[in-house]
PDB file of all heavy atoms in Angstrom:
ATOM      1  N   ALA A   1       0.844  -1.198   0.000  1.00  0.00           N
ATOM      2  CA  ALA A   1       0.000   0.000   0.000  1.00  0.00           C
ATOM      3  C   ALA A   1       0.879   1.247   0.000  1.00  0.00           C
ATOM      4  O   ALA A   1       1.782   1.382   0.838  1.00  0.00           O
ATOM      5  CB  ALA A   1      -0.923  -0.008   1.218  1.00  0.00           C
ATOM      6  N   PHE A   2       0.605   2.145  -0.917  1.00  0.00           N
ATOM      7  CA  PHE A   2       1.342   3.415  -1.015  1.00  0.00           C
ATOM      8  C   PHE A   2       0.409   4.541  -0.564  1.00  0.00           C
ATOM      9  O   PHE A   2      -0.684   4.716  -1.120  1.00  0.00           O
ATOM     10  CB  PHE A   2       1.811   3.641  -2.449  1.00  0.00           C
ATOM     11  CG  PHE A   2       2.894   2.697  -2.878  1.00  0.00           C
ATOM     12  CD1 PHE A   2       2.587   1.396  -3.262  1.00  0.00           C
ATOM     13  CD2 PHE A   2       4.222   3.088  -2.873  1.00  0.00           C
ATOM     14  CE1 PHE A   2       3.579   0.510  -3.646  1.00  0.00           C
ATOM     15  CE2 PHE A   2       5.227   2.205  -3.249  1.00  0.00           C
ATOM     16  CZ  PHE A   2       4.901   0.912  -3.638  1.00  0.00           C
ATOM     17  N   VAL A   3       0.859   5.266   0.449  1.00  0.00           N
ATOM     18  CA  VAL A   3       0.025   6.292   1.077  1.00  0.00           C
ATOM     19  C   VAL A   3       0.777   7.618   1.082  1.00  0.00           C
ATOM     20  O   VAL A   3       1.963   7.666   1.417  1.00  0.00           O
ATOM     21  CB  VAL A   3      -0.340   5.899   2.527  1.00  0.00           C
ATOM     22  CG1 VAL A   3      -1.250   6.939   3.155  1.00  0.00           C
ATOM     23  CG2 VAL A   3      -0.983   4.518   2.569  1.00  0.00           C
ATOM     24  N   ALA A   4       0.083   8.688   0.708  1.00  0.00           N
ATOM     25  CA  ALA A   4       0.727  10.009   0.722  1.00  0.00           C
ATOM     26  C   ALA A   4      -0.313  11.090   0.501  1.00  0.00           C
ATOM     27  O   ALA A   4      -1.411  10.829  -0.002  1.00  0.00           O
ATOM     28  CB  ALA A   4       1.797  10.093  -0.364  1.00  0.00           C
ATOM     29  N   GLU A   5       0.046  12.307   0.878  1.00  0.00           N
ATOM     30  CA  GLU A   5      -0.742  13.461   0.499  1.00  0.00           C
ATOM     31  C   GLU A   5      -0.517  13.720  -0.990  1.00  0.00           C
ATOM     32  O   GLU A   5       0.352  13.113  -1.628  1.00  0.00           O
ATOM     33  CB  GLU A   5      -0.310  14.681   1.330  1.00  0.00           C
ATOM     34  CG  GLU A   5      -1.176  14.912   2.557  1.00  0.00           C
ATOM     35  CD  GLU A   5      -2.587  15.384   2.198  1.00  0.00           C
ATOM     36  OE1 GLU A   5      -3.123  15.001   1.143  1.00  0.00           O
ATOM     37  OE2 GLU A   5      -3.170  16.131   2.985  1.00  0.00           O
ATOM     38  N   PHE A   6      -1.292  14.647  -1.545  1.00  0.00           N
ATOM     39  CA  PHE A   6      -1.140  14.976  -2.960  1.00  0.00           C
ATOM     40  C   PHE A   6       0.244  15.577  -3.237  1.00  0.00           C
ATOM     41  O   PHE A   6       0.850  16.209  -2.366  1.00  0.00           O
ATOM     42  CB  PHE A   6      -2.232  15.955  -3.392  1.00  0.00           C
ATOM     43  CG  PHE A   6      -3.594  15.324  -3.418  1.00  0.00           C
ATOM     44  CD1 PHE A   6      -4.571  15.701  -2.506  1.00  0.00           C
ATOM     45  CD2 PHE A   6      -3.908  14.352  -4.360  1.00  0.00           C
ATOM     46  CE1 PHE A   6      -5.825  15.121  -2.528  1.00  0.00           C
ATOM     47  CE2 PHE A   6      -5.161  13.771  -4.389  1.00  0.00           C
ATOM     48  CZ  PHE A   6      -6.118  14.153  -3.472  1.00  0.00           C
ATOM     49  N   SER A   7       0.703  15.349  -4.465  1.00  0.00           N
ATOM     50  CA  SER A   7       1.939  15.956  -4.976  1.00  0.00           C
ATOM     51  C   SER A   7       3.194  15.515  -4.231  1.00  0.00           C
ATOM     52  O   SER A   7       4.136  16.284  -4.069  1.00  0.00           O
ATOM     53  CB  SER A   7       1.833  17.496  -4.920  1.00  0.00           C
ATOM     54  OG  SER A   7       0.751  17.929  -5.700  1.00  0.00           O
ATOM     55  N   ARG A   8       3.202  14.263  -3.775  1.00  0.00           N
ATOM     56  CA  ARG A   8       4.411  13.727  -3.151  1.00  0.00           C
ATOM     57  C   ARG A   8       5.156  12.787  -4.105  1.00  0.00           C
ATOM     58  O   ARG A   8       6.186  12.244  -3.747  1.00  0.00           O
ATOM     59  CB  ARG A   8       4.070  12.965  -1.853  1.00  0.00           C
ATOM     60  CG  ARG A   8       3.350  13.793  -0.784  1.00  0.00           C
ATOM     61  CD  ARG A   8       4.196  14.944  -0.286  1.00  0.00           C
ATOM     62  NE  ARG A   8       3.608  15.616   0.853  1.00  0.00           N
ATOM     63  CZ  ARG A   8       2.871  16.716   0.783  1.00  0.00           C
ATOM     64  NH1 ARG A   8       2.629  17.265  -0.412  1.00  0.00           N
ATOM     65  NH2 ARG A   8       2.372  17.281   1.867  1.00  0.00           N
ATOM     66  N   GLY A   9       4.604  12.582  -5.304  1.00  0.00           N
ATOM     67  CA  GLY A   9       5.258  11.705  -6.275  1.00  0.00           C
ATOM     68  C   GLY A   9       5.004  10.233  -6.031  1.00  0.00           C
ATOM     69  O   GLY A   9       5.778   9.376  -6.478  1.00  0.00           O
ATOM     70  N   LYS A  10       3.907   9.921  -5.356  1.00  0.00           N
ATOM     71  CA  LYS A  10       3.601   8.533  -4.995  1.00  0.00           C
ATOM     72  C   LYS A  10       3.347   7.667  -6.221  1.00  0.00           C
ATOM     73  O   LYS A  10       3.901   6.558  -6.350  1.00  0.00           O
ATOM     74  CB  LYS A  10       2.387   8.530  -4.054  1.00  0.00           C
ATOM     75  CG  LYS A  10       1.735   7.180  -3.825  1.00  0.00           C
ATOM     76  CD  LYS A  10       0.614   7.293  -2.820  1.00  0.00           C
ATOM     77  CE  LYS A  10      -0.363   8.397  -3.134  1.00  0.00           C
ATOM     78  NZ  LYS A  10      -1.060   8.225  -4.397  1.00  0.00           N
ATOM     79  N   THR A  11       2.504   8.147  -7.148  1.00  0.00           N
ATOM     80  CA  THR A  11       2.180   7.359  -8.338  1.00  0.00           C
ATOM     81  C   THR A  11       3.407   7.217  -9.247  1.00  0.00           C
ATOM     82  O   THR A  11       3.623   6.176  -9.858  1.00  0.00           O
ATOM     83  CB  THR A  11       1.010   8.006  -9.103  1.00  0.00           C
ATOM     84  OG1 THR A  11      -0.090   8.197  -8.200  1.00  0.00           O
ATOM     85  CG2 THR A  11       0.558   7.121 -10.242  1.00  0.00           C
ATOM     86  N   GLU A  12       4.220   8.252  -9.311  1.00  0.00           N
ATOM     87  CA  GLU A  12       5.469   8.164 -10.074  1.00  0.00           C
ATOM     88  C   GLU A  12       6.376   7.095  -9.469  1.00  0.00           C
ATOM     89  O   GLU A  12       7.065   6.359 -10.197  1.00  0.00           O
ATOM     90  CB  GLU A  12       6.182   9.523 -10.068  1.00  0.00           C
ATOM     91  CG  GLU A  12       7.417   9.576 -10.938  1.00  0.00           C
ATOM     92  CD  GLU A  12       7.088   9.791 -12.411  1.00  0.00           C
ATOM     93  OE1 GLU A  12       5.998   9.367 -12.878  1.00  0.00           O
ATOM     94  OE2 GLU A  12       7.917  10.385 -13.107  1.00  0.00           O
ATOM     95  N   LEU A  13       6.365   6.985  -8.147  1.00  0.00           N
ATOM     96  CA  LEU A  13       7.163   5.965  -7.470  1.00  0.00           C
ATOM     97  C   LEU A  13       6.693   4.565  -7.863  1.00  0.00           C
ATOM     98  O   LEU A  13       7.509   3.673  -8.122  1.00  0.00           O
ATOM     99  CB  LEU A  13       7.069   6.155  -5.947  1.00  0.00           C
ATOM    100  CG  LEU A  13       7.826   5.144  -5.084  1.00  0.00           C
ATOM    101  CD1 LEU A  13       9.329   5.239  -5.336  1.00  0.00           C
ATOM    102  CD2 LEU A  13       7.517   5.374  -3.609  1.00  0.00           C
ATOM    103  N   ILE A  14       5.383   4.383  -7.937  1.00  0.00           N
ATOM    104  CA  ILE A  14       4.831   3.085  -8.351  1.00  0.00           C
ATOM    105  C   ILE A  14       5.240   2.775  -9.790  1.00  0.00           C
ATOM    106  O   ILE A  14       5.632   1.645 -10.111  1.00  0.00           O
ATOM    107  CB  ILE A  14       3.294   3.081  -8.199  1.00  0.00           C
ATOM    108  CG1 ILE A  14       2.907   3.197  -6.721  1.00  0.00           C
ATOM    109  CG2 ILE A  14       2.681   1.822  -8.810  1.00  0.00           C
ATOM    110  CD1 ILE A  14       1.431   3.386  -6.473  1.00  0.00           C
ATOM    111  N   ASN A  15       5.158   3.777 -10.659  1.00  0.00           N
ATOM    112  CA  ASN A  15       5.610   3.588 -12.046  1.00  0.00           C
ATOM    113  C   ASN A  15       7.074   3.168 -12.106  1.00  0.00           C
ATOM    114  O   ASN A  15       7.456   2.261 -12.852  1.00  0.00           O
ATOM    115  CB  ASN A  15       5.427   4.888 -12.840  1.00  0.00           C
ATOM    116  CG  ASN A  15       3.995   5.100 -13.290  1.00  0.00           C
ATOM    117  OD1 ASN A  15       3.286   4.157 -13.614  1.00  0.00           O
ATOM    118  ND2 ASN A  15       3.557   6.357 -13.303  1.00  0.00           N
ATOM    119  N   ALA A  16       7.906   3.837 -11.311  1.00  0.00           N
ATOM    120  CA  ALA A  16       9.346   3.563 -11.340  1.00  0.00           C
ATOM    121  C   ALA A  16       9.670   2.181 -10.782  1.00  0.00           C
ATOM    122  O   ALA A  16      10.549   1.482 -11.304  1.00  0.00           O
ATOM    123  CB  ALA A  16      10.096   4.632 -10.539  1.00  0.00           C
ATOM    124  N   LEU A  17       8.962   1.772  -9.736  1.00  0.00           N
ATOM    125  CA  LEU A  17       9.252   0.491  -9.097  1.00  0.00           C
ATOM    126  C   LEU A  17       8.794  -0.697  -9.932  1.00  0.00           C
ATOM    127  O   LEU A  17       9.484  -1.720 -10.008  1.00  0.00           O
ATOM    128  CB  LEU A  17       8.584   0.431  -7.712  1.00  0.00           C
ATOM    129  CG  LEU A  17       9.209   1.268  -6.597  1.00  0.00           C
ATOM    130  CD1 LEU A  17       8.308   1.285  -5.377  1.00  0.00           C
ATOM    131  CD2 LEU A  17      10.593   0.735  -6.223  1.00  0.00           C
ATOM    132  N   PHE A  18       7.624  -0.576 -10.560  1.00  0.00           N
ATOM    133  CA  PHE A  18       6.988  -1.762 -11.126  1.00  0.00           C
ATOM    134  C   PHE A  18       6.715  -1.733 -12.631  1.00  0.00           C
ATOM    135  O   PHE A  18       6.612  -2.791 -13.251  1.00  0.00           O
ATOM    136  CB  PHE A  18       5.665  -2.030 -10.398  1.00  0.00           C
ATOM    137  CG  PHE A  18       5.800  -2.102  -8.909  1.00  0.00           C
ATOM    138  CD1 PHE A  18       5.229  -1.141  -8.091  1.00  0.00           C
ATOM    139  CD2 PHE A  18       6.530  -3.125  -8.318  1.00  0.00           C
ATOM    140  CE1 PHE A  18       5.354  -1.207  -6.714  1.00  0.00           C
ATOM    141  CE2 PHE A  18       6.672  -3.196  -6.940  1.00  0.00           C
ATOM    142  CZ  PHE A  18       6.087  -2.234  -6.137  1.00  0.00           C
ATOM    143  N   PHE A  19       6.574  -0.553 -13.232  1.00  0.00           N
ATOM    144  CA  PHE A  19       6.080  -0.514 -14.606  1.00  0.00           C
ATOM    145  C   PHE A  19       7.014   0.201 -15.585  1.00  0.00           C
ATOM    146  O   PHE A  19       6.600   0.617 -16.660  1.00  0.00           O
ATOM    147  CB  PHE A  19       4.696   0.157 -14.640  1.00  0.00           C
ATOM    148  CG  PHE A  19       3.702  -0.506 -13.724  1.00  0.00           C
ATOM    149  CD1 PHE A  19       2.989   0.244 -12.798  1.00  0.00           C
ATOM    150  CD2 PHE A  19       3.484  -1.872 -13.777  1.00  0.00           C
ATOM    151  CE1 PHE A  19       2.072  -0.364 -11.942  1.00  0.00           C
ATOM    152  CE2 PHE A  19       2.576  -2.485 -12.935  1.00  0.00           C
ATOM    153  CZ  PHE A  19       1.868  -1.737 -12.008  1.00  0.00           C
ATOM    154  N   ALA A  20       8.281   0.324 -15.219  1.00  0.00           N
ATOM    155  CA  ALA A  20       9.232   1.039 -16.080  1.00  0.00           C
ATOM    156  C   ALA A  20       9.435   0.324 -17.411  1.00  0.00           C
ATOM    157  O   ALA A  20       9.701   0.967 -18.436  1.00  0.00           O
ATOM    158  CB  ALA A  20      10.572   1.206 -15.361  1.00  0.00           C
ATOM    159  N   GLU A  21       9.308  -1.016 -17.431  1.00  0.00           N
ATOM    160  CA  GLU A  21       9.587  -1.758 -18.664  1.00  0.00           C
ATOM    161  C   GLU A  21       8.570  -1.488 -19.767  1.00  0.00           C
ATOM    162  O   GLU A  21       8.803  -1.835 -20.932  1.00  0.00           O
ATOM    163  CB  GLU A  21       9.667  -3.274 -18.372  1.00  0.00           C
ATOM    164  CG  GLU A  21       8.338  -3.969 -18.185  1.00  0.00           C
ATOM    165  CD  GLU A  21       7.764  -3.745 -16.796  1.00  0.00           C
ATOM    166  OE1 GLU A  21       8.434  -3.098 -15.971  1.00  0.00           O
ATOM    167  OE2 GLU A  21       6.651  -4.211 -16.543  1.00  0.00           O
ATOM    168  N   THR A  22       7.437  -0.836 -19.437  1.00  0.00           N
ATOM    169  CA  THR A  22       6.464  -0.483 -20.475  1.00  0.00           C
ATOM    170  C   THR A  22       6.991   0.646 -21.354  1.00  0.00           C
ATOM    171  O   THR A  22       6.497   0.870 -22.460  1.00  0.00           O
ATOM    172  CB  THR A  22       5.126  -0.046 -19.855  1.00  0.00           C
ATOM    173  OG1 THR A  22       5.325   1.136 -19.059  1.00  0.00           O
ATOM    174  CG2 THR A  22       4.540  -1.152 -18.981  1.00  0.00           C
ATOM    175  N   GLY A  23       7.981   1.375 -20.824  1.00  0.00           N
ATOM    176  CA  GLY A  23       8.570   2.465 -21.599  1.00  0.00           C
ATOM    177  C   GLY A  23       7.770   3.745 -21.559  1.00  0.00           C
ATOM    178  O   GLY A  23       8.141   4.741 -22.196  1.00  0.00           O
ATOM    179  N   VAL A  24       6.659   3.740 -20.801  1.00  0.00           N
ATOM    180  CA  VAL A  24       5.824   4.940 -20.690  1.00  0.00           C
ATOM    181  C   VAL A  24       5.470   5.153 -19.224  1.00  0.00           C
ATOM    182  O   VAL A  24       5.671   4.278 -18.382  1.00  0.00           O
ATOM    183  CB  VAL A  24       4.515   4.816 -21.521  1.00  0.00           C
ATOM    184  CG1 VAL A  24       4.821   4.695 -22.999  1.00  0.00           C
ATOM    185  CG2 VAL A  24       3.661   3.649 -21.035  1.00  0.00           C
ATOM    186  N   ARG A  25       4.924   6.330 -18.941  1.00  0.00           N
ATOM    187  CA  ARG A  25       4.427   6.620 -17.598  1.00  0.00           C
ATOM    188  C   ARG A  25       3.019   6.020 -17.530  1.00  0.00           C
ATOM    189  O   ARG A  25       2.029   6.682 -17.817  1.00  0.00           O
ATOM    190  CB  ARG A  25       4.425   8.134 -17.391  1.00  0.00           C
ATOM    191  CG  ARG A  25       4.273   8.565 -15.970  1.00  0.00           C
ATOM    192  CD  ARG A  25       4.506  10.054 -15.807  1.00  0.00           C
ATOM    193  NE  ARG A  25       5.866  10.377 -15.409  1.00  0.00           N
ATOM    194  CZ  ARG A  25       6.735  11.036 -16.148  1.00  0.00           C
ATOM    195  NH1 ARG A  25       6.414  11.428 -17.362  1.00  0.00           N
ATOM    196  NH2 ARG A  25       7.948  11.296 -15.699  1.00  0.00           N
ATOM    197  N   LEU A  26       2.953   4.731 -17.146  1.00  0.00           N
ATOM    198  CA  LEU A  26       1.705   3.968 -17.275  1.00  0.00           C
ATOM    199  C   LEU A  26       0.578   4.568 -16.438  1.00  0.00           C
ATOM    200  O   LEU A  26      -0.512   4.838 -16.947  1.00  0.00           O
ATOM    201  CB  LEU A  26       1.945   2.510 -16.872  1.00  0.00           C
ATOM    202  CG  LEU A  26       0.874   1.509 -17.296  1.00  0.00           C
ATOM    203  CD1 LEU A  26       0.755   1.459 -18.810  1.00  0.00           C
ATOM    204  CD2 LEU A  26       1.194   0.114 -16.750  1.00  0.00           C
TER     205      LEU A  26
END
């Protein structure tokens, strides 16, 4: 579970950890 206030880069962190191989900001 990823928890944060807005604008902390949480969703970007999920993209970087798990979905980078798609080549896009999924």
